[in-house]
Amino acid sequence: MMLETERLILRPWEEADAEECYRYASDPRVGPIAGWPVHTSVENSRQVIRDVLMAPETYAIVLKETGLPIGSIGLHRKDLAQAEDEAELGYWLGVPYWGRGLVPEAAQEMLRHAFEDLGLSRVWCAFYDGNDRSRRVQEKLGFTYQWTCEDVAVPLLGETRRGHVNLLAREDWLAGRQMQSRQNADQGDESI
């Protein structure tokens, strides 16, 4: 399946994406803040694509203007997702593309897909202390704070951290979309 936004295509990962994946996942500012180690080689990225990123509902974030992957986004049915109609949203983006609103754009489409296409009732999202970019993305998307966990195991890095858990329910997502539609309509009226 492919999903599309104004600037992005969200499509399944392929082993051929290993070089581009390594380009961004080898930067120490990307993985460790999210709880996974830097990629050490193109072959390491290829293995991660095979073992992790080729999972159902996990997509490469592809910039339309280049046709190349610059990050990843997915809906996962583990960890925080406790029921069949729930998932956890996860994402990462290459550093050169930070600050352009690309993750919120991709995540808005993933939430639409989650609630409309997959019929989910709730989507969870979390971040570790210090990951302010991820926190801000979740706030922009309308997620609401649920709880903070002390001493959360981060097995891929062999450490523990403080984590913050947020939730977006389908009805809150629908209400946010309706409010956005009204604001857009009001702005349109002002330009007449």
C-alpha atoms as a PDB file:
ATOM      1  CA  MET A   1       0.000   0.000   0.000  1.00  0.00           C
ATOM      2  CA  MET A   2       1.081   3.556  -0.717  1.00  0.00           C
ATOM      3  CA  LEU A   3      -0.163   6.688   1.015  1.00  0.00           C
ATOM      4  CA  GLU A   4       0.377  10.215  -0.264  1.00  0.00           C
ATOM      5  CA  THR A   5       0.496  13.756   1.096  1.00  0.00           C
ATOM      6  CA  GLU A   6       1.284  17.061  -0.558  1.00  0.00           C
ATOM      7  CA  ARG A   7       5.068  16.575  -0.348  1.00  0.00           C
ATOM      8  CA  LEU A   8       5.461  12.912   0.556  1.00  0.00           C
ATOM      9  CA  ILE A   9       4.834   9.356  -0.497  1.00  0.00           C
ATOM     10  CA  LEU A  10       4.595   6.760   2.257  1.00  0.00           C
ATOM     11  CA  ARG A  11       5.436   3.340   0.843  1.00  0.00           C
ATOM     12  CA  PRO A  12       6.762   0.006   2.096  1.00  0.00           C
ATOM     13  CA  TRP A  13      10.500  -0.226   2.695  1.00  0.00           C
ATOM     14  CA  GLU A  14      12.607  -2.200   0.217  1.00  0.00           C
ATOM     15  CA  GLU A  15      16.074  -3.676   0.641  1.00  0.00           C
ATOM     16  CA  ALA A  16      17.188  -1.353  -2.176  1.00  0.00           C
ATOM     17  CA  ASP A  17      16.591   1.555   0.252  1.00  0.00           C
ATOM     18  CA  ALA A  18      19.539   0.474   2.426  1.00  0.00           C
ATOM     19  CA  GLU A  19      21.936   3.165   1.238  1.00  0.00           C
ATOM     20  CA  GLU A  20      19.475   6.009   1.862  1.00  0.00           C
ATOM     21  CA  CYS A  21      18.440   4.492   5.188  1.00  0.00           C
ATOM     22  CA  TYR A  22      22.089   4.347   6.270  1.00  0.00           C
ATOM     23  CA  ARG A  23      22.647   7.951   5.147  1.00  0.00           C
ATOM     24  CA  TYR A  24      20.221   9.173   7.834  1.00  0.00           C
ATOM     25  CA  ALA A  25      20.167   6.354  10.429  1.00  0.00           C
ATOM     26  CA  SER A  26      23.959   6.542  10.848  1.00  0.00           C
ATOM     27  CA  ASP A  27      23.640  10.045  12.323  1.00  0.00           C
ATOM     28  CA  PRO A  28      23.893   9.816  16.144  1.00  0.00           C
ATOM     29  CA  ARG A  29      21.191  12.495  16.505  1.00  0.00           C
ATOM     30  CA  VAL A  30      18.514  10.224  14.998  1.00  0.00           C
ATOM     31  CA  GLY A  31      18.319   6.726  16.520  1.00  0.00           C
ATOM     32  CA  PRO A  32      19.633   7.006  20.074  1.00  0.00           C
ATOM     33  CA  ILE A  33      17.100   9.691  21.071  1.00  0.00           C
ATOM     34  CA  ALA A  34      14.371   7.285  19.886  1.00  0.00           C
ATOM     35  CA  GLY A  35      15.894   4.257  21.601  1.00  0.00           C
ATOM     36  CA  TRP A  36      17.830   2.469  18.868  1.00  0.00           C
ATOM     37  CA  PRO A  37      21.526   2.436  17.958  1.00  0.00           C
ATOM     38  CA  VAL A  38      23.125   4.235  15.031  1.00  0.00           C
ATOM     39  CA  HIS A  39      23.410   2.130  11.921  1.00  0.00           C
ATOM     40  CA  THR A  40      27.008   1.091  11.353  1.00  0.00           C
ATOM     41  CA  SER A  41      26.978   0.212   7.648  1.00  0.00           C
ATOM     42  CA  VAL A  42      24.776  -0.069   4.578  1.00  0.00           C
ATOM     43  CA  GLU A  43      24.545  -3.809   5.290  1.00  0.00           C
ATOM     44  CA  ASN A  44      23.414  -3.057   8.864  1.00  0.00           C
ATOM     45  CA  SER A  45      20.687  -0.798   7.441  1.00  0.00           C
ATOM     46  CA  ARG A  46      19.697  -3.529   4.975  1.00  0.00           C
ATOM     47  CA  GLN A  47      19.343  -5.982   7.879  1.00  0.00           C
ATOM     48  CA  VAL A  48      17.243  -3.480   9.871  1.00  0.00           C
ATOM     49  CA  ILE A  49      15.033  -2.975   6.803  1.00  0.00           C
ATOM     50  CA  ARG A  50      14.536  -6.762   6.538  1.00  0.00           C
ATOM     51  CA  ASP A  51      14.041  -7.399  10.258  1.00  0.00           C
ATOM     52  CA  VAL A  52      12.237  -4.259  11.442  1.00  0.00           C
ATOM     53  CA  LEU A  53      11.152  -1.822   8.747  1.00  0.00           C
ATOM     54  CA  MET A  54       9.514  -4.333   6.403  1.00  0.00           C
ATOM     55  CA  ALA A  55       6.853  -4.976   9.065  1.00  0.00           C
ATOM     56  CA  PRO A  56       3.175  -4.465   8.232  1.00  0.00           C
ATOM     57  CA  GLU A  57       2.046  -0.813   8.397  1.00  0.00           C
ATOM     58  CA  THR A  58       5.622   0.513   8.424  1.00  0.00           C
ATOM     59  CA  TYR A  59       6.438   2.966   5.646  1.00  0.00           C
ATOM     60  CA  ALA A  60       9.419   4.772   4.198  1.00  0.00           C
ATOM     61  CA  ILE A  61       8.852   8.536   4.197  1.00  0.00           C
ATOM     62  CA  VAL A  62       9.770   9.424   0.617  1.00  0.00           C
ATOM     63  CA  LEU A  63      10.225  13.012  -0.506  1.00  0.00           C
ATOM     64  CA  LYS A  64       8.299  13.461  -3.768  1.00  0.00           C
ATOM     65  CA  GLU A  65      10.855  15.885  -5.210  1.00  0.00           C
ATOM     66  CA  THR A  66      13.675  13.303  -4.990  1.00  0.00           C
ATOM     67  CA  GLY A  67      11.847   9.957  -4.867  1.00  0.00           C
ATOM     68  CA  LEU A  68      14.194   8.867  -2.057  1.00  0.00           C
ATOM     69  CA  PRO A  69      13.402   7.788   1.517  1.00  0.00           C
ATOM     70  CA  ILE A  70      14.331  10.269   4.253  1.00  0.00           C
ATOM     71  CA  GLY A  71      12.793   8.585   7.290  1.00  0.00           C
ATOM     72  CA  SER A  72      10.258   6.083   8.528  1.00  0.00           C
ATOM     73  CA  ILE A  73       6.783   6.030  10.057  1.00  0.00           C
ATOM     74  CA  GLY A  74       4.599   3.188  11.183  1.00  0.00           C
ATOM     75  CA  LEU A  75       1.722   1.857  13.214  1.00  0.00           C
ATOM     76  CA  HIS A  76       2.808  -0.934  15.525  1.00  0.00           C
ATOM     77  CA  ARG A  77       0.567  -3.433  17.307  1.00  0.00           C
ATOM     78  CA  LYS A  78       2.827  -3.998  20.311  1.00  0.00           C
ATOM     79  CA  ASP A  79       4.076  -2.256  23.447  1.00  0.00           C
ATOM     80  CA  LEU A  80       1.440   0.403  24.228  1.00  0.00           C
ATOM     81  CA  ALA A  81      -1.293  -0.972  21.950  1.00  0.00           C
ATOM     82  CA  GLN A  82      -3.342  -3.139  24.290  1.00  0.00           C
ATOM     83  CA  ALA A  83      -6.368  -4.006  22.144  1.00  0.00           C
ATOM     84  CA  GLU A  84      -7.004  -5.162  18.584  1.00  0.00           C
ATOM     85  CA  ASP A  85      -8.296  -1.718  17.606  1.00  0.00           C
ATOM     86  CA  GLU A  86      -5.226   0.172  18.886  1.00  0.00           C
ATOM     87  CA  ALA A  87      -1.741   0.860  17.546  1.00  0.00           C
ATOM     88  CA  GLU A  88       1.364   2.793  18.509  1.00  0.00           C
ATOM     89  CA  LEU A  89       2.690   5.457  16.144  1.00  0.00           C
ATOM     90  CA  GLY A  90       6.454   5.589  15.676  1.00  0.00           C
ATOM     91  CA  TYR A  91       8.579   7.754  13.389  1.00  0.00           C
ATOM     92  CA  TRP A  92      12.035   9.097  12.637  1.00  0.00           C
ATOM     93  CA  LEU A  93      13.418  11.529  10.068  1.00  0.00           C
ATOM     94  CA  GLY A  94      16.861  12.339   8.676  1.00  0.00           C
ATOM     95  CA  VAL A  95      18.450  15.429  10.256  1.00  0.00           C
ATOM     96  CA  PRO A  96      18.659  17.496   7.014  1.00  0.00           C
ATOM     97  CA  TYR A  97      14.842  17.430   6.893  1.00  0.00           C
ATOM     98  CA  TRP A  98      14.129  18.442  10.492  1.00  0.00           C
ATOM     99  CA  GLY A  99      12.105  21.599  11.019  1.00  0.00           C
ATOM    100  CA  ARG A 100      10.160  21.420   7.743  1.00  0.00           C
ATOM    101  CA  GLY A 101       6.937  19.950   9.133  1.00  0.00           C
ATOM    102  CA  LEU A 102       7.441  16.677   7.272  1.00  0.00           C
ATOM    103  CA  VAL A 103       6.832  14.325  10.219  1.00  0.00           C
ATOM    104  CA  PRO A 104       3.553  16.031  11.193  1.00  0.00           C
ATOM    105  CA  GLU A 105       2.520  15.858   7.523  1.00  0.00           C
ATOM    106  CA  ALA A 106       3.329  12.141   7.310  1.00  0.00           C
ATOM    107  CA  ALA A 107       1.783  11.452  10.710  1.00  0.00           C
ATOM    108  CA  GLN A 108      -1.480  13.214   9.813  1.00  0.00           C
ATOM    109  CA  GLU A 109      -1.832  10.846   6.861  1.00  0.00           C
ATOM    110  CA  MET A 110      -0.945   7.853   9.046  1.00  0.00           C
ATOM    111  CA  LEU A 111      -3.605   8.884  11.562  1.00  0.00           C
ATOM    112  CA  ARG A 112      -6.163   9.248   8.766  1.00  0.00           C
ATOM    113  CA  HIS A 113      -5.177   5.774   7.589  1.00  0.00           C
ATOM    114  CA  ALA A 114      -5.365   4.386  11.144  1.00  0.00           C
ATOM    115  CA  PHE A 115      -8.813   5.753  11.917  1.00  0.00           C
ATOM    116  CA  GLU A 116     -10.496   5.653   8.491  1.00  0.00           C
ATOM    117  CA  ASP A 117      -8.896   2.724   6.642  1.00  0.00           C
ATOM    118  CA  LEU A 118      -7.939   0.443   9.539  1.00  0.00           C
ATOM    119  CA  GLY A 119     -10.839   1.363  11.830  1.00  0.00           C
ATOM    120  CA  LEU A 120      -8.675   1.864  14.910  1.00  0.00           C
ATOM    121  CA  SER A 121     -10.180   3.513  17.968  1.00  0.00           C
ATOM    122  CA  ARG A 122      -6.974   4.734  19.640  1.00  0.00           C
ATOM    123  CA  VAL A 123      -3.389   5.498  18.641  1.00  0.00           C
ATOM    124  CA  TRP A 124      -0.656   5.734  21.264  1.00  0.00           C
ATOM    125  CA  CYS A 125       2.626   7.601  20.944  1.00  0.00           C
ATOM    126  CA  ALA A 126       5.525   8.066  23.352  1.00  0.00           C
ATOM    127  CA  PHE A 127       8.854   9.836  23.691  1.00  0.00           C
ATOM    128  CA  TYR A 128      11.824   9.741  26.024  1.00  0.00           C
ATOM    129  CA  ASP A 129      13.003  12.673  28.132  1.00  0.00           C
ATOM    130  CA  GLY A 130      15.014  15.056  25.971  1.00  0.00           C
ATOM    131  CA  ASN A 131      13.253  14.241  22.694  1.00  0.00           C
ATOM    132  CA  ASP A 132      11.519  17.612  22.451  1.00  0.00           C
ATOM    133  CA  ARG A 133      11.042  17.346  18.683  1.00  0.00           C
ATOM    134  CA  SER A 134       8.958  14.203  19.095  1.00  0.00           C
ATOM    135  CA  ARG A 135       7.006  15.783  21.964  1.00  0.00           C
ATOM    136  CA  ARG A 136       6.161  18.796  19.790  1.00  0.00           C
ATOM    137  CA  VAL A 137       5.042  16.586  16.893  1.00  0.00           C
ATOM    138  CA  GLN A 138       2.668  14.739  19.216  1.00  0.00           C
ATOM    139  CA  GLU A 139       1.280  18.005  20.582  1.00  0.00           C
ATOM    140  CA  LYS A 140       0.696  19.346  17.042  1.00  0.00           C
ATOM    141  CA  LEU A 141      -1.173  16.173  16.144  1.00  0.00           C
ATOM    142  CA  GLY A 142      -3.534  16.487  19.109  1.00  0.00           C
ATOM    143  CA  PHE A 143      -2.184  13.683  21.302  1.00  0.00           C
ATOM    144  CA  THR A 144      -2.930  14.142  24.988  1.00  0.00           C
ATOM    145  CA  TYR A 145      -0.674  13.268  27.901  1.00  0.00           C
ATOM    146  CA  GLN A 146      -1.502  10.023  29.731  1.00  0.00           C
ATOM    147  CA  TRP A 147       1.391   9.180  32.053  1.00  0.00           C
ATOM    148  CA  THR A 148       5.148   9.235  32.679  1.00  0.00           C
ATOM    149  CA  CYS A 149       7.148   6.072  33.343  1.00  0.00           C
ATOM    150  CA  GLU A 150      10.377   6.055  35.298  1.00  0.00           C
ATOM    151  CA  ASP A 151      13.100   3.518  34.480  1.00  0.00           C
ATOM    152  CA  VAL A 152      11.753   2.394  31.103  1.00  0.00           C
ATOM    153  CA  ALA A 153      13.989  -0.301  29.644  1.00  0.00           C
ATOM    154  CA  VAL A 154      15.641   0.640  26.343  1.00  0.00           C
ATOM    155  CA  PRO A 155      16.920  -2.834  25.417  1.00  0.00           C
ATOM    156  CA  LEU A 156      18.615  -1.924  22.136  1.00  0.00           C
ATOM    157  CA  LEU A 157      20.839   0.534  24.000  1.00  0.00           C
ATOM    158  CA  GLY A 158      21.111  -1.381  27.288  1.00  0.00           C
ATOM    159  CA  GLU A 159      19.861   1.462  29.452  1.00  0.00           C
ATOM    160  CA  THR A 160      16.782   2.854  31.182  1.00  0.00           C
ATOM    161  CA  ARG A 161      15.090   6.201  30.598  1.00  0.00           C
ATOM    162  CA  ARG A 162      12.122   8.281  31.623  1.00  0.00           C
ATOM    163  CA  GLY A 163       9.310   7.982  29.073  1.00  0.00           C
ATOM    164  CA  HIS A 164       6.135   9.963  28.435  1.00  0.00           C
ATOM    165  CA  VAL A 165       3.015   8.367  26.950  1.00  0.00           C
ATOM    166  CA  ASN A 166       0.370  10.175  24.904  1.00  0.00           C
ATOM    167  CA  LEU A 167      -2.892   9.077  23.293  1.00  0.00           C
ATOM    168  CA  LEU A 168      -5.156  10.169  20.455  1.00  0.00           C
ATOM    169  CA  ALA A 169      -8.654   8.681  20.391  1.00  0.00           C
ATOM    170  CA  ARG A 170     -10.627   8.485  17.155  1.00  0.00           C
ATOM    171  CA  GLU A 171     -13.325  10.893  18.421  1.00  0.00           C
ATOM    172  CA  ASP A 172     -10.683  13.483  19.389  1.00  0.00           C
ATOM    173  CA  TRP A 173      -9.019  13.106  15.980  1.00  0.00           C
ATOM    174  CA  LEU A 174     -12.403  13.638  14.259  1.00  0.00           C
ATOM    175  CA  ALA A 175     -13.131  16.702  16.416  1.00  0.00           C
ATOM    176  CA  GLY A 176      -9.705  18.140  15.540  1.00  0.00           C
ATOM    177  CA  ARG A 177     -10.334  17.608  11.825  1.00  0.00           C
ATOM    178  CA  GLN A 178     -13.726  19.304  12.059  1.00  0.00           C
ATOM    179  CA  MET A 179     -12.210  22.277  13.890  1.00  0.00           C
ATOM    180  CA  GLN A 180      -9.441  22.537  11.262  1.00  0.00           C
ATOM    181  CA  SER A 181     -12.044  22.449   8.472  1.00  0.00           C
ATOM    182  CA  ARG A 182     -13.995  25.279  10.142  1.00  0.00           C
ATOM    183  CA  GLN A 183     -10.813  27.350  10.567  1.00  0.00           C
ATOM    184  CA  ASN A 184      -9.900  26.798   6.917  1.00  0.00           C
ATOM    185  CA  ALA A 185     -13.403  27.812   5.852  1.00  0.00           C
ATOM    186  CA  ASP A 186     -13.235  30.949   8.044  1.00  0.00           C
ATOM    187  CA  GLN A 187      -9.877  31.902   6.524  1.00  0.00           C
ATOM    188  CA  GLY A 188     -11.356  31.421   3.082  1.00  0.00           C
ATOM    189  CA  ASP A 189     -14.249  33.734   3.969  1.00  0.00           C
ATOM    190  CA  GLU A 190     -11.812  36.445   5.073  1.00  0.00           C
ATOM    191  CA  SER A 191     -10.052  36.408   1.726  1.00  0.00           C
ATOM    192  CA  ILE A 192     -13.227  37.122  -0.233  1.00  0.00           C
END
